[in-house]
Amino acid sequence: MADKDMYYNRSKQQGYRARSAYKLKQIDEEVALFDRSDTVVDLGAAPGGWLQVAAEEIEEGGTVVGVDLQRIEEFDDHDVETIRGDMTEERTRHHLREAVGEAGADVVVSDMAPNMTGEYALDHARSVHLARQAFDAAAELLASGGDFVVKVFQGEDLDAFRDDVSEAFQYVRTVSPPASRDASSEVYLVGKGYTRSPVAEGDRIEVTVKGEGDEGDGIAYVDGYTVFVDGDVGETLTVEVTDVKPRFAFAERVDGDAETPP
């Protein structure tokens, strides 16, 4: 029996619906994805192996939601909600948002893969396309501080996709779980610490400078989010946001009167 076949046999013995369940277990062991009472969304969840792992890890009090075009058989031993539909359609997104709730998801995972053609470049491009769809959904569903896991095949477009994911998270890791087959080119990108910025490029806002950064910029805060501005501590001024990052933004002051407390 080949080393990788042991995961198939183990999944049958332990009641998992797919050998891929061990990939998520190994990713969780490496990057600490799940906490008790988390809200977890699995995109492309059929047949449900990752849903089983998520439900085991968060225990009672959490929420696990799976979505797939294929029907996902109900679970007898886990409290899991399933949605049948295309996650790129607004109707499905609406049901997902309702299932997740206003607080947002703590973890969004995706093990989606394209139908394989055997043509490496095409399969890679299709996997990146699916990964970007999952990334868009995660950006809509995740709460601030949430985590994201997505499968993608290695190839020329991987670095650009990773750069885009890195813009939305505090940091990103590439993980190759041992349960992946030796012949597979798959890797998993794990984004940790999603940050929903309360500002967007072009916004004009009034801020008060509370501190000074290492480069001499003024530091202001909007709902706890850092904005670097050209101003002195204590100064209240109107600024225009010019660049937004996951953990901070840059802004330029707008000409006008600034107010400095006496």
C-alpha atoms as a PDB file:
ATOM      1  CA  MET A   1       0.000   0.000   0.000  1.00  0.00           C
ATOM      2  CA  ALA A   2       1.406   3.385  -1.035  1.00  0.00           C
ATOM      3  CA  ASP A   3       1.939   5.976   1.668  1.00  0.00           C
ATOM      4  CA  LYS A   4      -0.742   8.293   0.262  1.00  0.00           C
ATOM      5  CA  ASP A   5      -3.325   5.492   0.075  1.00  0.00           C
ATOM      6  CA  MET A   6      -3.288   5.254   3.847  1.00  0.00           C
ATOM      7  CA  TYR A   7      -5.309   8.472   4.041  1.00  0.00           C
ATOM      8  CA  TYR A   8      -8.059   6.958   1.905  1.00  0.00           C
ATOM      9  CA  ASN A   9      -8.202   3.855   4.088  1.00  0.00           C
ATOM     10  CA  ARG A  10      -8.002   5.892   7.269  1.00  0.00           C
ATOM     11  CA  SER A  11     -10.864   8.116   6.126  1.00  0.00           C
ATOM     12  CA  LYS A  12     -13.043   5.045   5.622  1.00  0.00           C
ATOM     13  CA  GLN A  13     -12.102   3.646   9.015  1.00  0.00           C
ATOM     14  CA  GLN A  14     -12.675   6.924  10.856  1.00  0.00           C
ATOM     15  CA  GLY A  15     -15.848   7.922   9.055  1.00  0.00           C
ATOM     16  CA  TYR A  16     -14.640  10.873   6.997  1.00  0.00           C
ATOM     17  CA  ARG A  17     -16.312  11.439   3.661  1.00  0.00           C
ATOM     18  CA  ALA A  18     -13.053  12.167   1.854  1.00  0.00           C
ATOM     19  CA  ARG A  19      -9.331  11.639   2.372  1.00  0.00           C
ATOM     20  CA  SER A  20      -8.948  15.414   1.989  1.00  0.00           C
ATOM     21  CA  ALA A  21     -10.202  15.737   5.569  1.00  0.00           C
ATOM     22  CA  TYR A  22      -6.644  15.016   6.701  1.00  0.00           C
ATOM     23  CA  LYS A  23      -5.325  17.935   4.668  1.00  0.00           C
ATOM     24  CA  LEU A  24      -7.462  20.343   6.664  1.00  0.00           C
ATOM     25  CA  LYS A  25      -6.481  18.630   9.906  1.00  0.00           C
ATOM     26  CA  GLN A  26      -2.808  19.058   9.032  1.00  0.00           C
ATOM     27  CA  ILE A  27      -3.263  22.682   7.977  1.00  0.00           C
ATOM     28  CA  ASP A  28      -5.029  23.380  11.263  1.00  0.00           C
ATOM     29  CA  GLU A  29      -2.199  21.743  13.206  1.00  0.00           C
ATOM     30  CA  GLU A  30       0.325  23.956  11.427  1.00  0.00           C
ATOM     31  CA  VAL A  31      -1.434  27.338  11.484  1.00  0.00           C
ATOM     32  CA  ALA A  32      -4.080  27.043  14.264  1.00  0.00           C
ATOM     33  CA  LEU A  33      -7.192  27.824  12.239  1.00  0.00           C
ATOM     34  CA  PHE A  34     -10.038  26.926  14.544  1.00  0.00           C
ATOM     35  CA  ASP A  35     -11.246  28.087  17.929  1.00  0.00           C
ATOM     36  CA  ARG A  36     -14.305  26.980  19.846  1.00  0.00           C
ATOM     37  CA  SER A  37     -17.515  28.703  18.779  1.00  0.00           C
ATOM     38  CA  ASP A  38     -16.062  29.879  15.467  1.00  0.00           C
ATOM     39  CA  THR A  39     -18.217  30.490  12.421  1.00  0.00           C
ATOM     40  CA  VAL A  40     -16.710  28.539   9.515  1.00  0.00           C
ATOM     41  CA  VAL A  41     -17.658  28.620   5.830  1.00  0.00           C
ATOM     42  CA  ASP A  42     -16.521  25.884   3.434  1.00  0.00           C
ATOM     43  CA  LEU A  43     -16.734  26.819  -0.258  1.00  0.00           C
ATOM     44  CA  GLY A  44     -17.110  23.911  -2.651  1.00  0.00           C
ATOM     45  CA  ALA A  45     -17.769  21.687   0.328  1.00  0.00           C
ATOM     46  CA  ALA A  46     -19.050  18.439  -1.253  1.00  0.00           C
ATOM     47  CA  PRO A  47     -18.844  15.665  -0.224  1.00  0.00           C
ATOM     48  CA  GLY A  48     -18.263  17.169   3.227  1.00  0.00           C
ATOM     49  CA  GLY A  49     -14.967  15.937   4.649  1.00  0.00           C
ATOM     50  CA  TRP A  50     -13.798  19.459   5.518  1.00  0.00           C
ATOM     51  CA  LEU A  51     -17.185  20.211   7.082  1.00  0.00           C
ATOM     52  CA  GLN A  52     -16.723  17.233   9.393  1.00  0.00           C
ATOM     53  CA  VAL A  53     -13.289  18.430  10.497  1.00  0.00           C
ATOM     54  CA  ALA A  54     -14.498  21.990  11.094  1.00  0.00           C
ATOM     55  CA  ALA A  55     -17.492  20.794  13.120  1.00  0.00           C
ATOM     56  CA  GLU A  56     -15.244  18.611  15.277  1.00  0.00           C
ATOM     57  CA  GLU A  57     -12.818  21.430  15.953  1.00  0.00           C
ATOM     58  CA  ILE A  58     -15.254  24.179  16.895  1.00  0.00           C
ATOM     59  CA  GLU A  59     -17.495  21.900  18.983  1.00  0.00           C
ATOM     60  CA  GLU A  60     -20.886  23.110  20.221  1.00  0.00           C
ATOM     61  CA  GLY A  61     -21.696  26.777  20.013  1.00  0.00           C
ATOM     62  CA  GLY A  62     -20.081  27.362  16.644  1.00  0.00           C
ATOM     63  CA  THR A  63     -21.528  27.512  13.151  1.00  0.00           C
ATOM     64  CA  VAL A  64     -20.415  25.505  10.128  1.00  0.00           C
ATOM     65  CA  VAL A  65     -21.819  26.314   6.693  1.00  0.00           C
ATOM     66  CA  GLY A  66     -20.987  24.511   3.460  1.00  0.00           C
ATOM     67  CA  VAL A  67     -21.894  25.546  -0.070  1.00  0.00           C
ATOM     68  CA  ASP A  68     -21.579  23.587  -3.302  1.00  0.00           C
ATOM     69  CA  LEU A  69     -23.290  23.126  -6.648  1.00  0.00           C
ATOM     70  CA  GLN A  70     -23.560  19.452  -5.772  1.00  0.00           C
ATOM     71  CA  ARG A  71     -25.892  18.165  -3.107  1.00  0.00           C
ATOM     72  CA  ILE A  72     -24.197  17.561   0.265  1.00  0.00           C
ATOM     73  CA  GLU A  73     -25.735  14.722   2.216  1.00  0.00           C
ATOM     74  CA  GLU A  74     -26.991  15.673   5.653  1.00  0.00           C
ATOM     75  CA  PHE A  75     -24.902  14.863   8.707  1.00  0.00           C
ATOM     76  CA  ASP A  76     -26.247  12.671  11.484  1.00  0.00           C
ATOM     77  CA  ASP A  77     -23.486  13.446  13.965  1.00  0.00           C
ATOM     78  CA  HIS A  78     -22.681  17.118  13.247  1.00  0.00           C
ATOM     79  CA  ASP A  79     -24.666  20.338  13.259  1.00  0.00           C
ATOM     80  CA  VAL A  80     -23.832  21.641   9.791  1.00  0.00           C
ATOM     81  CA  GLU A  81     -25.850  23.887   7.482  1.00  0.00           C
ATOM     82  CA  THR A  82     -25.509  23.285   3.759  1.00  0.00           C
ATOM     83  CA  ILE A  83     -26.455  25.485   0.810  1.00  0.00           C
ATOM     84  CA  ARG A  84     -26.772  24.136  -2.704  1.00  0.00           C
ATOM     85  CA  GLY A  85     -25.871  26.777  -5.246  1.00  0.00           C
ATOM     86  CA  ASP A  86     -23.226  28.687  -7.167  1.00  0.00           C
ATOM     87  CA  MET A  87     -21.297  30.939  -4.786  1.00  0.00           C
ATOM     88  CA  THR A  88     -20.694  33.434  -7.606  1.00  0.00           C
ATOM     89  CA  GLU A  89     -24.441  34.098  -7.864  1.00  0.00           C
ATOM     90  CA  GLU A  90     -26.050  36.780  -5.708  1.00  0.00           C
ATOM     91  CA  ARG A  91     -28.820  34.441  -4.570  1.00  0.00           C
ATOM     92  CA  THR A  92     -26.297  32.006  -3.110  1.00  0.00           C
ATOM     93  CA  ARG A  93     -24.243  34.838  -1.575  1.00  0.00           C
ATOM     94  CA  HIS A  94     -27.434  36.138   0.048  1.00  0.00           C
ATOM     95  CA  HIS A  95     -28.099  32.757   1.669  1.00  0.00           C
ATOM     96  CA  LEU A  96     -24.473  32.587   2.789  1.00  0.00           C
ATOM     97  CA  ARG A  97     -24.622  36.022   4.399  1.00  0.00           C
ATOM     98  CA  GLU A  98     -27.813  35.091   6.218  1.00  0.00           C
ATOM     99  CA  ALA A  99     -26.292  31.833   7.482  1.00  0.00           C
ATOM    100  CA  VAL A 100     -23.126  33.570   8.667  1.00  0.00           C
ATOM    101  CA  GLY A 101     -24.870  36.522  10.317  1.00  0.00           C
ATOM    102  CA  GLU A 102     -23.890  40.140  10.739  1.00  0.00           C
ATOM    103  CA  ALA A 103     -20.809  39.323  12.837  1.00  0.00           C
ATOM    104  CA  GLY A 104     -19.164  37.632   9.854  1.00  0.00           C
ATOM    105  CA  ALA A 105     -17.206  34.410   9.510  1.00  0.00           C
ATOM    106  CA  ASP A 106     -14.106  33.571  11.528  1.00  0.00           C
ATOM    107  CA  VAL A 107     -12.730  31.157   8.932  1.00  0.00           C
ATOM    108  CA  VAL A 108     -13.420  30.674   5.211  1.00  0.00           C
ATOM    109  CA  VAL A 109     -11.890  27.613   3.541  1.00  0.00           C
ATOM    110  CA  SER A 110     -11.893  26.319  -0.022  1.00  0.00           C
ATOM    111  CA  ASP A 111     -10.607  23.023  -1.391  1.00  0.00           C
ATOM    112  CA  MET A 112     -12.083  23.630  -4.841  1.00  0.00           C
ATOM    113  CA  ALA A 113     -10.251  22.310  -7.877  1.00  0.00           C
ATOM    114  CA  PRO A 114     -11.092  22.498 -11.583  1.00  0.00           C
ATOM    115  CA  ASN A 115     -12.014  19.543 -13.734  1.00  0.00           C
ATOM    116  CA  MET A 116      -8.610  18.342 -14.842  1.00  0.00           C
ATOM    117  CA  THR A 117      -7.678  18.448 -18.533  1.00  0.00           C
ATOM    118  CA  GLY A 118      -4.142  17.134 -18.207  1.00  0.00           C
ATOM    119  CA  GLU A 119      -2.819  20.360 -19.724  1.00  0.00           C
ATOM    120  CA  TYR A 120      -0.742  21.847 -16.937  1.00  0.00           C
ATOM    121  CA  ALA A 121      -0.983  25.530 -17.865  1.00  0.00           C
ATOM    122  CA  LEU A 122      -4.744  25.361 -18.384  1.00  0.00           C
ATOM    123  CA  ASP A 123      -5.371  23.456 -15.158  1.00  0.00           C
ATOM    124  CA  HIS A 124      -3.228  25.974 -13.269  1.00  0.00           C
ATOM    125  CA  ALA A 125      -5.080  28.951 -14.762  1.00  0.00           C
ATOM    126  CA  ARG A 126      -8.447  27.408 -13.900  1.00  0.00           C
ATOM    127  CA  SER A 127      -7.342  26.708 -10.343  1.00  0.00           C
ATOM    128  CA  VAL A 128      -6.266  30.339  -9.902  1.00  0.00           C
ATOM    129  CA  HIS A 129      -9.627  31.460 -11.267  1.00  0.00           C
ATOM    130  CA  LEU A 130     -11.456  29.318  -8.698  1.00  0.00           C
ATOM    131  CA  ALA A 131      -9.124  30.531  -5.961  1.00  0.00           C
ATOM    132  CA  ARG A 132      -9.886  34.151  -6.851  1.00  0.00           C
ATOM    133  CA  GLN A 133     -13.608  33.428  -6.673  1.00  0.00           C
ATOM    134  CA  ALA A 134     -13.077  31.983  -3.199  1.00  0.00           C
ATOM    135  CA  PHE A 135     -10.999  35.019  -2.237  1.00  0.00           C
ATOM    136  CA  ASP A 136     -13.778  37.375  -3.351  1.00  0.00           C
ATOM    137  CA  ALA A 137     -16.293  35.424  -1.279  1.00  0.00           C
ATOM    138  CA  ALA A 138     -13.986  35.424   1.735  1.00  0.00           C
ATOM    139  CA  ALA A 139     -13.533  39.188   1.488  1.00  0.00           C
ATOM    140  CA  GLU A 140     -17.298  39.550   1.632  1.00  0.00           C
ATOM    141  CA  LEU A 141     -17.909  37.086   4.460  1.00  0.00           C
ATOM    142  CA  LEU A 142     -14.930  37.333   6.826  1.00  0.00           C
ATOM    143  CA  ALA A 143     -15.006  39.327  10.022  1.00  0.00           C
ATOM    144  CA  SER A 144     -11.985  41.432  10.880  1.00  0.00           C
ATOM    145  CA  GLY A 145      -9.239  39.146  12.148  1.00  0.00           C
ATOM    146  CA  GLY A 146     -10.594  36.123  10.293  1.00  0.00           C
ATOM    147  CA  ASP A 147      -8.584  33.479   8.443  1.00  0.00           C
ATOM    148  CA  PHE A 148      -8.717  32.142   4.880  1.00  0.00           C
ATOM    149  CA  VAL A 149      -7.501  28.871   3.348  1.00  0.00           C
ATOM    150  CA  VAL A 150      -7.573  28.229  -0.399  1.00  0.00           C
ATOM    151  CA  LYS A 151      -6.158  25.558  -2.659  1.00  0.00           C
ATOM    152  CA  VAL A 152      -4.316  26.576  -5.815  1.00  0.00           C
ATOM    153  CA  PHE A 153      -2.047  24.761  -8.250  1.00  0.00           C
ATOM    154  CA  GLN A 154       1.527  25.928  -8.606  1.00  0.00           C
ATOM    155  CA  GLY A 155       2.368  27.878 -11.728  1.00  0.00           C
ATOM    156  CA  GLU A 156       3.205  31.249 -13.178  1.00  0.00           C
ATOM    157  CA  ASP A 157       0.149  33.052 -11.790  1.00  0.00           C
ATOM    158  CA  LEU A 158       0.561  31.875  -8.209  1.00  0.00           C
ATOM    159  CA  ASP A 159       2.848  34.682  -7.039  1.00  0.00           C
ATOM    160  CA  ALA A 160       0.515  37.398  -8.312  1.00  0.00           C
ATOM    161  CA  PHE A 161      -2.442  35.770  -6.599  1.00  0.00           C
ATOM    162  CA  ARG A 162      -0.500  35.402  -3.368  1.00  0.00           C
ATOM    163  CA  ASP A 163       0.429  39.100  -3.533  1.00  0.00           C
ATOM    164  CA  ASP A 164      -3.249  40.016  -3.828  1.00  0.00           C
ATOM    165  CA  VAL A 165      -4.168  37.850  -0.853  1.00  0.00           C
ATOM    166  CA  SER A 166      -1.310  39.359   1.141  1.00  0.00           C
ATOM    167  CA  GLU A 167      -2.826  42.818   0.657  1.00  0.00           C
ATOM    168  CA  ALA A 168      -5.909  41.743   2.620  1.00  0.00           C
ATOM    169  CA  PHE A 169      -4.317  39.836   5.529  1.00  0.00           C
ATOM    170  CA  GLN A 170      -1.709  40.486   8.166  1.00  0.00           C
ATOM    171  CA  TYR A 171       0.371  37.678   6.718  1.00  0.00           C
ATOM    172  CA  VAL A 172       0.098  34.762   4.297  1.00  0.00           C
ATOM    173  CA  ARG A 173       1.714  31.335   4.426  1.00  0.00           C
ATOM    174  CA  THR A 174       2.015  28.621   1.798  1.00  0.00           C
ATOM    175  CA  VAL A 175       1.300  25.178   3.249  1.00  0.00           C
ATOM    176  CA  SER A 176       1.784  21.757   1.638  1.00  0.00           C
ATOM    177  CA  PRO A 177       0.055  19.227   3.909  1.00  0.00           C
ATOM    178  CA  PRO A 178       1.524  15.703   3.945  1.00  0.00           C
ATOM    179  CA  ALA A 179      -1.841  14.282   2.877  1.00  0.00           C
ATOM    180  CA  SER A 180      -1.490  15.909  -0.548  1.00  0.00           C
ATOM    181  CA  ARG A 181      -0.569  13.336  -3.155  1.00  0.00           C
ATOM    182  CA  ASP A 182       3.061  13.276  -4.238  1.00  0.00           C
ATOM    183  CA  ALA A 183       2.157  13.889  -7.882  1.00  0.00           C
ATOM    184  CA  SER A 184      -0.071  16.863  -7.091  1.00  0.00           C
ATOM    185  CA  SER A 185       1.028  20.449  -7.723  1.00  0.00           C
ATOM    186  CA  GLU A 186      -1.458  21.777  -5.178  1.00  0.00           C
ATOM    187  CA  VAL A 187      -0.540  24.082  -2.341  1.00  0.00           C
ATOM    188  CA  TYR A 188      -2.707  25.939   0.153  1.00  0.00           C
ATOM    189  CA  LEU A 189      -2.458  29.649   0.794  1.00  0.00           C
ATOM    190  CA  VAL A 190      -3.380  30.559   4.358  1.00  0.00           C
ATOM    191  CA  GLY A 191      -4.235  34.179   5.066  1.00  0.00           C
ATOM    192  CA  LYS A 192      -4.232  35.075   8.755  1.00  0.00           C
ATOM    193  CA  GLY A 193      -5.787  38.180  10.269  1.00  0.00           C
ATOM    194  CA  TYR A 194      -8.188  39.695   7.761  1.00  0.00           C
ATOM    195  CA  THR A 195      -8.713  43.411   8.326  1.00  0.00           C
ATOM    196  CA  ARG A 196     -11.791  45.250   7.170  1.00  0.00           C
ATOM    197  CA  SER A 197     -10.701  48.821   6.637  1.00  0.00           C
ATOM    198  CA  PRO A 198     -13.248  51.431   7.764  1.00  0.00           C
ATOM    199  CA  VAL A 199     -11.939  53.785   5.066  1.00  0.00           C
ATOM    200  CA  ALA A 200     -11.483  53.583   1.319  1.00  0.00           C
ATOM    201  CA  GLU A 201      -9.264  55.389  -1.164  1.00  0.00           C
ATOM    202  CA  GLY A 202     -10.694  58.815  -1.942  1.00  0.00           C
ATOM    203  CA  ASP A 203     -12.573  59.174   1.365  1.00  0.00           C
ATOM    204  CA  ARG A 204     -12.369  62.595   3.014  1.00  0.00           C
ATOM    205  CA  ILE A 205     -12.482  62.348   6.782  1.00  0.00           C
ATOM    206  CA  GLU A 206     -11.695  64.439   9.836  1.00  0.00           C
ATOM    207  CA  VAL A 207      -9.085  62.985  12.184  1.00  0.00           C
ATOM    208  CA  THR A 208      -7.099  64.015  15.226  1.00  0.00           C
ATOM    209  CA  VAL A 209      -3.411  63.149  15.287  1.00  0.00           C
ATOM    210  CA  LYS A 210      -2.706  61.055  18.374  1.00  0.00           C
ATOM    211  CA  GLY A 211       0.933  60.109  17.925  1.00  0.00           C
ATOM    212  CA  GLU A 212       4.014  60.154  15.750  1.00  0.00           C
ATOM    213  CA  GLY A 213       5.293  57.266  13.628  1.00  0.00           C
ATOM    214  CA  ASP A 214       8.872  56.102  13.117  1.00  0.00           C
ATOM    215  CA  GLU A 215       9.126  58.085   9.886  1.00  0.00           C
ATOM    216  CA  GLY A 216       7.783  61.267  11.463  1.00  0.00           C
ATOM    217  CA  ASP A 217       4.257  60.890  10.102  1.00  0.00           C
ATOM    218  CA  GLY A 218       1.339  61.696  12.329  1.00  0.00           C
ATOM    219  CA  ILE A 219      -0.783  58.765  13.511  1.00  0.00           C
ATOM    220  CA  ALA A 220      -4.563  59.010  13.685  1.00  0.00           C
ATOM    221  CA  TYR A 221      -7.176  56.329  14.330  1.00  0.00           C
ATOM    222  CA  VAL A 222     -10.542  55.574  12.752  1.00  0.00           C
ATOM    223  CA  ASP A 223     -12.450  52.921  14.721  1.00  0.00           C
ATOM    224  CA  GLY A 224      -9.113  51.580  15.948  1.00  0.00           C
ATOM    225  CA  TYR A 225      -7.658  51.490  12.432  1.00  0.00           C
ATOM    226  CA  THR A 226      -4.385  53.374  11.864  1.00  0.00           C
ATOM    227  CA  VAL A 227      -4.165  56.252   9.402  1.00  0.00           C
ATOM    228  CA  PHE A 228      -0.803  57.910   8.713  1.00  0.00           C
ATOM    229  CA  VAL A 229      -1.119  61.628   7.989  1.00  0.00           C
ATOM    230  CA  ASP A 230       1.068  64.713   7.679  1.00  0.00           C
ATOM    231  CA  GLY A 231       0.236  66.452  10.933  1.00  0.00           C
ATOM    232  CA  ASP A 232       1.361  67.253  14.441  1.00  0.00           C
ATOM    233  CA  VAL A 233       0.181  65.530  17.599  1.00  0.00           C
ATOM    234  CA  GLY A 234      -3.033  67.107  18.840  1.00  0.00           C
ATOM    235  CA  GLU A 235      -3.942  68.580  15.457  1.00  0.00           C
ATOM    236  CA  THR A 236      -7.424  67.979  14.053  1.00  0.00           C
ATOM    237  CA  LEU A 237      -7.608  68.164  10.272  1.00  0.00           C
ATOM    238  CA  THR A 238      -9.444  66.969   7.195  1.00  0.00           C
ATOM    239  CA  VAL A 239      -7.580  64.407   5.107  1.00  0.00           C
ATOM    240  CA  GLU A 240      -8.119  62.413   1.928  1.00  0.00           C
ATOM    241  CA  VAL A 241      -7.269  58.712   2.015  1.00  0.00           C
ATOM    242  CA  THR A 242      -4.743  57.848  -0.705  1.00  0.00           C
ATOM    243  CA  ASP A 243      -3.720  54.227  -0.041  1.00  0.00           C
ATOM    244  CA  VAL A 244      -5.401  51.468   1.989  1.00  0.00           C
ATOM    245  CA  LYS A 245      -3.629  48.424   3.438  1.00  0.00           C
ATOM    246  CA  PRO A 246      -4.962  45.630   5.680  1.00  0.00           C
ATOM    247  CA  ARG A 247      -3.691  47.225   8.899  1.00  0.00           C
ATOM    248  CA  PHE A 248      -3.231  50.898   8.009  1.00  0.00           C
ATOM    249  CA  ALA A 249      -3.849  53.607   5.432  1.00  0.00           C
ATOM    250  CA  PHE A 250      -2.061  56.713   4.179  1.00  0.00           C
ATOM    251  CA  ALA A 251      -3.830  60.033   3.847  1.00  0.00           C
ATOM    252  CA  GLU A 252      -2.970  63.539   2.705  1.00  0.00           C
ATOM    253  CA  ARG A 253      -4.254  66.637   4.390  1.00  0.00           C
ATOM    254  CA  VAL A 254      -6.803  68.711   2.528  1.00  0.00           C
ATOM    255  CA  ASP A 255      -6.106  72.426   2.334  1.00  0.00           C
ATOM    256  CA  GLY A 256      -8.073  74.306   4.928  1.00  0.00           C
ATOM    257  CA  ASP A 257      -7.982  75.382   8.495  1.00  0.00           C
ATOM    258  CA  ALA A 258      -6.571  72.890  10.982  1.00  0.00           C
ATOM    259  CA  GLU A 259      -7.554  72.991  14.586  1.00  0.00           C
ATOM    260  CA  THR A 260      -5.046  72.517  17.376  1.00  0.00           C
ATOM    261  CA  PRO A 261      -6.392  72.234  20.921  1.00  0.00           C
ATOM    262  CA  PRO A 262      -5.095  74.952  23.287  1.00  0.00           C
END
